[in-house]
Protein backbone atom coordinates (compact mmCIF):
# COMPACT_ATOMS: atom_id res chain seq x y z
CA UNK A 1 131.83 93.75 114.77
CA UNK A 2 128.46 93.73 113.00
CA UNK A 3 127.43 92.71 109.52
CA UNK A 4 124.20 93.42 107.68
CA UNK A 5 122.04 90.33 107.17
CA UNK A 6 119.67 89.47 104.35
CA UNK A 7 116.82 91.57 105.77
CA UNK A 8 118.92 94.70 106.36
CA UNK A 9 119.25 94.20 110.13
CA UNK A 10 122.69 94.37 111.71
CA UNK A 11 123.80 91.03 113.15
CA UNK A 12 126.71 90.07 115.34
CA UNK A 13 129.63 88.09 114.02
CA UNK A 14 130.28 84.63 115.45
CA UNK A 15 131.99 86.22 118.47
CA UNK A 16 128.85 88.14 119.48
CA UNK A 17 125.54 86.80 120.76
CA UNK A 18 122.41 86.92 118.59
CA UNK A 19 119.29 88.44 120.09
CA UNK A 20 115.73 87.16 119.93
CA UNK A 21 114.69 90.25 117.91
CA UNK A 22 117.39 89.54 115.34
CA UNK A 23 116.15 85.95 115.04
CA UNK A 24 112.56 87.12 114.51
CA UNK A 25 113.81 89.51 111.82
CA UNK A 26 115.53 86.57 110.10
CA UNK A 27 112.39 84.44 110.37
CA UNK A 28 110.37 87.15 108.60
CA UNK A 29 112.28 86.08 105.47
CA UNK A 30 110.74 82.59 105.65
CA UNK A 31 107.69 82.66 103.39
CA UNK A 32 104.91 80.08 103.54
CA UNK A 33 104.79 78.97 99.87
CA UNK A 34 101.04 78.34 99.96
CA UNK A 35 99.96 81.60 101.62
CA UNK A 36 102.81 83.83 100.35
CA UNK A 37 103.22 85.45 103.78
CA UNK A 38 106.06 85.24 106.30
CA UNK A 39 105.75 82.74 109.13
CA UNK A 40 106.11 85.35 111.89
CA UNK A 41 103.16 87.48 110.72
CA UNK A 42 101.15 84.30 110.10
CA UNK A 43 101.59 83.47 113.79
CA UNK A 44 103.34 80.16 113.13
CA UNK A 45 106.32 81.01 115.36
CA UNK A 46 105.43 80.52 119.03
CA UNK A 47 108.84 81.24 120.51
CA UNK A 48 112.55 81.77 119.90
CA UNK A 49 115.31 81.13 122.40
CA UNK A 50 118.94 82.09 121.83
CA UNK A 51 121.33 79.95 123.84
CA UNK A 52 125.06 80.26 124.35
CA UNK A 53 127.30 80.14 121.26
CA UNK A 54 124.39 81.40 119.11
CA UNK A 55 122.48 78.13 119.30
CA UNK A 56 118.89 79.01 118.40
CA UNK A 57 115.79 77.03 119.40
CA UNK A 58 112.55 77.79 117.56
CA UNK A 59 109.14 76.56 118.70
CA UNK A 60 106.60 76.77 115.91
CA UNK A 61 103.70 75.07 114.20
CA UNK A 62 102.43 74.65 110.66
CA UNK A 63 99.04 75.62 109.27
CA UNK A 64 97.98 71.95 109.22
CA UNK A 65 99.56 68.70 110.45
CA UNK A 66 99.72 67.46 106.86
CA UNK A 67 101.18 70.67 105.42
CA UNK A 68 102.87 69.60 102.15
CA UNK A 69 105.32 72.51 102.36
CA UNK A 70 106.43 71.77 105.93
CA UNK A 71 109.86 70.38 104.97
CA UNK A 72 110.60 73.44 102.81
CA UNK A 73 109.54 75.84 105.59
CA UNK A 74 111.76 74.04 108.12
CA UNK A 75 114.71 74.10 105.72
CA UNK A 76 114.20 77.84 105.17
CA UNK A 77 114.08 78.48 108.93
CA UNK A 78 117.44 76.74 109.28
CA UNK A 79 118.91 78.46 106.21
CA UNK A 80 117.96 82.04 107.18
CA UNK A 81 118.95 81.72 110.84
CA UNK A 82 122.33 80.19 109.96
CA UNK A 83 122.93 82.86 107.31
CA UNK A 84 122.42 85.53 109.95
CA UNK A 85 124.77 84.05 112.54
CA UNK A 86 123.19 81.03 114.27
CA UNK A 87 125.66 78.22 114.90
CA UNK A 88 122.93 75.56 115.25
CA UNK A 89 119.18 75.70 114.77
CA UNK A 90 116.78 73.41 116.64
CA UNK A 91 113.20 73.60 115.35
CA UNK A 92 110.49 72.01 117.47
CA UNK A 93 107.09 71.57 115.79
CA UNK A 94 104.16 71.63 118.21
CA UNK A 95 100.45 71.12 117.51
CA UNK A 96 99.05 72.70 120.66
CA UNK A 97 97.71 75.28 120.39
CA UNK A 98 96.50 74.54 116.88
CA UNK A 99 97.08 77.36 114.43
CA UNK A 100 94.05 79.43 113.42
CA UNK A 101 93.79 82.61 111.35
CA UNK A 102 93.17 84.48 114.62
CA UNK A 103 96.90 84.04 115.36
CA UNK A 104 97.92 86.27 112.44
CA UNK A 105 99.26 89.72 113.16
CA UNK A 106 96.69 92.52 113.11
CA UNK A 107 98.39 94.11 110.09
CA UNK A 108 98.24 90.88 108.10
CA UNK A 109 94.58 90.30 108.99
CA UNK A 110 93.79 93.82 107.87
CA UNK A 111 95.77 93.31 104.63
CA UNK A 112 93.92 90.06 103.90
CA UNK A 113 90.54 91.59 104.81
CA UNK A 114 89.70 89.13 107.59
CA UNK A 115 90.01 91.46 110.58
CA UNK A 116 86.27 91.47 111.27
CA UNK A 117 85.85 87.71 111.02
CA UNK A 118 88.74 86.80 113.30
CA UNK A 119 89.05 90.03 115.29
CA UNK A 120 90.84 89.45 118.56
CA UNK A 121 89.65 92.75 120.04
CA UNK A 122 85.98 92.01 119.53
CA UNK A 123 84.08 90.33 122.33
CA UNK A 124 81.69 87.60 121.33
CA UNK A 125 78.09 88.15 122.31
CA UNK A 126 76.76 85.41 124.57
CA UNK A 127 74.21 83.19 122.91
CA UNK A 128 70.72 83.53 124.37
CA UNK A 129 69.68 80.68 126.63
CA UNK A 130 67.29 78.28 125.01
CA UNK A 131 63.87 77.99 126.59
CA UNK A 132 61.23 75.47 125.55
CA UNK A 133 58.07 76.86 123.99
CA UNK A 134 55.09 77.32 126.31
CA UNK A 135 52.80 74.36 126.73
CA UNK A 136 49.64 74.60 124.64
CA UNK A 137 46.40 75.18 126.51
CA UNK A 138 44.35 72.08 127.13
CA UNK A 139 41.25 71.72 125.05
CA UNK A 140 38.10 69.77 125.52
CA UNK A 141 36.45 68.55 128.73
CA UNK A 142 39.78 68.22 130.65
CA UNK A 143 40.84 71.73 129.66
CA UNK A 144 37.54 73.08 130.95
CA UNK A 145 37.86 71.13 134.22
CA UNK A 146 41.49 72.18 134.90
CA UNK A 147 41.39 75.88 134.06
């Protein structure tokens, strides 16, 4: 038996197993209060694992280690996953790799107008190798002797 969750996706009842896609759909309801975007499109969610009995483990990061809204984001992750069928939610915050705007989805980067600055598809041009300037020519008697 299925029921429709908060984001319009059909979810299993407690007798059926959640899927990773259903968990990601639930996490799209979690909005970062400072950036007003969902944490999945921001690239804050690194992984979701659904274990037996609908126990969900989420590996994620925050935009900064001192994010003042971190506790609210974590509470929302728990709230939305439980509302859509998770029996327990284990959130692990990791700091490696550090979050950067390059981790945002392509659609979100385009919407925010930062696609060019943090484009993943663009290859960086190698910087030219630095070479010292040529030595000046010697002047005077020694310059004349050592031409």
